[in-house]
């Protein structure tokens, strides 16, 4: 997945793989991985904000994908 909104959250604006898992403190996050860039974790509040931005911009498929990852992360609690 790639989005112009990624940079607003410190995520490189390149094609990223997204994974839902807990951080070292046990907090569920979405993790964004792209070649040549550091792994970036986004908490569920930030992920929800990203989802809303995508929805408002008319990027429904990407918003749905983020929503699916958020749902997976919520089940990790």
N, C-alpha and C. Protein backbone atom coordinates (compact mmCIF):
# COMPACT_ATOMS: atom_id res chain seq x y z
N UNK A 1 0.84 -1.17 0.00
CA UNK A 1 0.00 0.00 0.00
C UNK A 1 0.89 1.24 0.00
N UNK A 2 0.42 2.27 -0.66
CA UNK A 2 1.16 3.53 -0.74
C UNK A 2 0.15 4.67 -0.66
N UNK A 3 0.52 5.73 0.07
CA UNK A 3 -0.39 6.87 0.17
C UNK A 3 0.40 8.15 0.41
N UNK A 4 -0.09 9.24 -0.15
CA UNK A 4 0.51 10.55 0.08
C UNK A 4 0.37 10.98 1.54
N UNK A 5 -0.58 10.39 2.27
CA UNK A 5 -0.82 10.75 3.67
C UNK A 5 0.17 10.10 4.63
N UNK A 6 0.92 9.10 4.19
CA UNK A 6 1.86 8.41 5.07
C UNK A 6 2.83 9.37 5.74
N UNK A 7 3.34 10.34 4.99
CA UNK A 7 4.36 11.23 5.54
C UNK A 7 3.84 12.05 6.72
N UNK A 8 2.53 12.25 6.81
CA UNK A 8 1.95 12.98 7.94
C UNK A 8 2.13 12.21 9.25
N UNK A 9 2.41 10.91 9.14
CA UNK A 9 2.54 10.05 10.32
C UNK A 9 3.96 9.50 10.46
N UNK A 10 4.91 10.07 9.72
CA UNK A 10 6.29 9.63 9.81
C UNK A 10 6.58 8.35 9.05
N UNK A 11 5.67 7.97 8.16
CA UNK A 11 5.82 6.76 7.36
C UNK A 11 6.35 7.17 5.99
N UNK A 12 7.39 6.50 5.48
CA UNK A 12 7.88 6.86 4.15
C UNK A 12 6.77 6.73 3.10
N UNK A 13 6.64 7.72 2.21
CA UNK A 13 5.57 7.68 1.20
C UNK A 13 5.90 6.76 0.03
N UNK A 14 6.26 5.54 0.35
CA UNK A 14 6.57 4.53 -0.66
C UNK A 14 5.68 3.32 -0.41
N UNK A 15 5.75 2.36 -1.30
CA UNK A 15 4.97 1.13 -1.15
C UNK A 15 5.37 0.44 0.15
N UNK A 16 4.40 0.16 1.01
CA UNK A 16 4.65 -0.45 2.33
C UNK A 16 3.81 -1.70 2.51
N UNK A 17 4.39 -2.65 3.22
CA UNK A 17 3.62 -3.78 3.73
C UNK A 17 3.15 -3.39 5.11
N UNK A 18 1.96 -3.82 5.49
CA UNK A 18 1.39 -3.46 6.78
C UNK A 18 1.13 -4.72 7.58
N UNK A 19 1.50 -4.68 8.86
CA UNK A 19 1.30 -5.82 9.75
C UNK A 19 0.72 -5.32 11.07
N UNK A 20 -0.25 -6.03 11.60
CA UNK A 20 -0.82 -5.71 12.91
C UNK A 20 -0.17 -6.61 13.95
N UNK A 21 0.50 -6.00 14.93
CA UNK A 21 1.09 -6.76 16.04
C UNK A 21 1.36 -5.81 17.19
N UNK A 22 1.68 -6.39 18.33
CA UNK A 22 1.95 -5.58 19.53
C UNK A 22 3.39 -5.07 19.52
N UNK A 23 3.58 -3.91 20.17
CA UNK A 23 4.93 -3.40 20.35
C UNK A 23 5.55 -4.03 21.59
N UNK A 24 6.73 -3.55 21.98
CA UNK A 24 7.44 -4.15 23.12
C UNK A 24 6.72 -3.94 24.45
N UNK A 25 5.78 -3.00 24.50
CA UNK A 25 4.98 -2.76 25.71
C UNK A 25 3.65 -3.50 25.68
N UNK A 26 3.40 -4.24 24.61
CA UNK A 26 2.16 -4.99 24.49
C UNK A 26 1.00 -4.19 23.90
N UNK A 27 1.31 -3.02 23.34
CA UNK A 27 0.28 -2.16 22.76
C UNK A 27 0.10 -2.52 21.28
N UNK A 28 -1.14 -2.80 20.86
CA UNK A 28 -1.36 -3.12 19.44
C UNK A 28 -1.05 -1.92 18.54
N UNK A 29 -0.37 -2.19 17.45
CA UNK A 29 0.00 -1.16 16.49
C UNK A 29 -0.08 -1.73 15.08
N UNK A 30 -0.12 -0.82 14.11
CA UNK A 30 0.08 -1.20 12.72
C UNK A 30 1.53 -0.86 12.40
N UNK A 31 2.22 -1.82 11.82
CA UNK A 31 3.63 -1.64 11.48
C UNK A 31 3.76 -1.54 9.97
N UNK A 32 4.45 -0.50 9.51
CA UNK A 32 4.63 -0.23 8.09
C UNK A 32 6.08 -0.52 7.73
N UNK A 33 6.28 -1.43 6.78
CA UNK A 33 7.62 -1.85 6.37
C UNK A 33 7.78 -1.55 4.88
N UNK A 34 8.88 -0.88 4.54
CA UNK A 34 9.21 -0.64 3.14
C UNK A 34 10.71 -0.83 2.95
N UNK A 35 11.08 -1.26 1.76
CA UNK A 35 12.47 -1.55 1.45
C UNK A 35 13.33 -0.30 1.63
N UNK A 36 14.42 -0.47 2.38
CA UNK A 36 15.37 0.61 2.56
C UNK A 36 14.99 1.66 3.59
N UNK A 37 13.88 1.45 4.28
CA UNK A 37 13.42 2.41 5.28
C UNK A 37 13.21 1.71 6.62
N UNK A 38 13.30 2.46 7.73
CA UNK A 38 13.07 1.84 9.04
C UNK A 38 11.60 1.44 9.21
N UNK A 39 11.39 0.45 10.04
CA UNK A 39 10.04 0.00 10.39
C UNK A 39 9.36 1.12 11.18
N UNK A 40 8.11 1.43 10.84
CA UNK A 40 7.38 2.50 11.52
C UNK A 40 6.12 1.92 12.13
N UNK A 41 5.92 2.15 13.44
CA UNK A 41 4.72 1.70 14.13
C UNK A 41 3.75 2.85 14.34
N UNK A 42 2.48 2.56 14.11
CA UNK A 42 1.43 3.57 14.28
C UNK A 42 0.40 3.00 15.24
N UNK A 43 0.13 3.74 16.35
CA UNK A 43 -0.87 3.24 17.29
C UNK A 43 -2.25 3.29 16.64
N UNK A 44 -3.23 2.70 17.30
CA UNK A 44 -4.54 2.57 16.69
C UNK A 44 -5.25 3.92 16.54
N UNK A 45 -4.92 4.88 17.38
CA UNK A 45 -5.49 6.22 17.22
C UNK A 45 -4.98 6.85 15.92
N UNK A 46 -3.68 6.78 15.72
CA UNK A 46 -3.09 7.30 14.49
C UNK A 46 -3.57 6.55 13.26
N UNK A 47 -3.70 5.23 13.39
CA UNK A 47 -4.18 4.42 12.27
C UNK A 47 -5.61 4.81 11.90
N UNK A 48 -6.43 5.09 12.90
CA UNK A 48 -7.81 5.51 12.65
C UNK A 48 -7.83 6.88 11.98
N UNK A 49 -6.94 7.78 12.40
CA UNK A 49 -6.84 9.09 11.75
C UNK A 49 -6.45 8.93 10.28
N UNK A 50 -5.49 8.05 10.01
CA UNK A 50 -5.08 7.78 8.63
C UNK A 50 -6.25 7.23 7.82
N UNK A 51 -7.00 6.32 8.42
CA UNK A 51 -8.17 5.75 7.74
C UNK A 51 -9.17 6.85 7.38
N UNK A 52 -9.42 7.78 8.29
CA UNK A 52 -10.36 8.87 8.02
C UNK A 52 -9.86 9.79 6.90
N UNK A 53 -8.56 10.08 6.91
CA UNK A 53 -7.99 10.90 5.84
C UNK A 53 -8.18 10.22 4.48
N UNK A 54 -7.92 8.92 4.44
CA UNK A 54 -8.08 8.18 3.19
C UNK A 54 -9.53 8.18 2.73
N UNK A 55 -10.44 7.99 3.68
CA UNK A 55 -11.88 8.00 3.35
C UNK A 55 -12.28 9.37 2.81
N UNK A 56 -11.88 10.43 3.49
CA UNK A 56 -12.23 11.79 3.07
C UNK A 56 -11.66 12.13 1.70
N UNK A 57 -10.52 11.53 1.36
CA UNK A 57 -9.88 11.79 0.07
C UNK A 57 -10.45 10.91 -1.04
N UNK A 58 -11.42 10.06 -0.69
CA UNK A 58 -12.04 9.20 -1.69
C UNK A 58 -11.24 7.95 -2.01
N UNK A 59 -10.27 7.61 -1.16
CA UNK A 59 -9.45 6.43 -1.37
C UNK A 59 -10.04 5.27 -0.56
N UNK A 60 -11.22 4.82 -1.01
CA UNK A 60 -11.99 3.83 -0.25
C UNK A 60 -11.27 2.50 -0.10
N UNK A 61 -10.61 2.02 -1.15
CA UNK A 61 -9.93 0.73 -1.06
C UNK A 61 -8.82 0.76 -0.02
N UNK A 62 -8.05 1.84 -0.01
CA UNK A 62 -6.97 1.95 0.97
C UNK A 62 -7.53 2.13 2.37
N UNK A 63 -8.60 2.91 2.50
CA UNK A 63 -9.23 3.08 3.81
C UNK A 63 -9.75 1.75 4.34
N UNK A 64 -10.34 0.95 3.46
CA UNK A 64 -10.82 -0.37 3.87
C UNK A 64 -9.68 -1.28 4.30
N UNK A 65 -8.56 -1.21 3.57
CA UNK A 65 -7.41 -2.04 3.93
C UNK A 65 -6.89 -1.66 5.32
N UNK A 66 -6.75 -0.36 5.58
CA UNK A 66 -6.31 0.09 6.90
C UNK A 66 -7.32 -0.37 7.96
N UNK A 67 -8.61 -0.27 7.65
CA UNK A 67 -9.65 -0.71 8.58
C UNK A 67 -9.53 -2.18 8.93
N UNK A 68 -9.20 -3.01 7.94
CA UNK A 68 -9.01 -4.44 8.19
C UNK A 68 -7.82 -4.68 9.11
N UNK A 69 -6.75 -3.93 8.90
CA UNK A 69 -5.57 -4.08 9.77
C UNK A 69 -5.87 -3.59 11.18
N UNK A 70 -6.65 -2.51 11.30
CA UNK A 70 -7.05 -2.02 12.62
C UNK A 70 -7.86 -3.09 13.35
N UNK A 71 -8.79 -3.72 12.65
CA UNK A 71 -9.61 -4.78 13.26
C UNK A 71 -8.74 -5.93 13.75
N UNK A 72 -7.74 -6.31 12.97
CA UNK A 72 -6.81 -7.38 13.39
C UNK A 72 -6.07 -6.96 14.66
N UNK A 73 -5.60 -5.71 14.68
CA UNK A 73 -4.85 -5.21 15.83
C UNK A 73 -5.72 -5.16 17.08
N UNK A 74 -6.98 -4.81 16.93
CA UNK A 74 -7.89 -4.74 18.08
C UNK A 74 -8.10 -6.12 18.70
N UNK A 75 -8.02 -7.16 17.91
CA UNK A 75 -8.18 -8.52 18.43
C UNK A 75 -6.94 -9.00 19.18
N UNK A 76 -5.85 -8.25 19.10
CA UNK A 76 -4.62 -8.63 19.79
C UNK A 76 -4.63 -8.22 21.26
N UNK A 77 -5.58 -7.38 21.66
CA UNK A 77 -5.61 -6.86 23.03
C UNK A 77 -5.84 -7.94 24.03
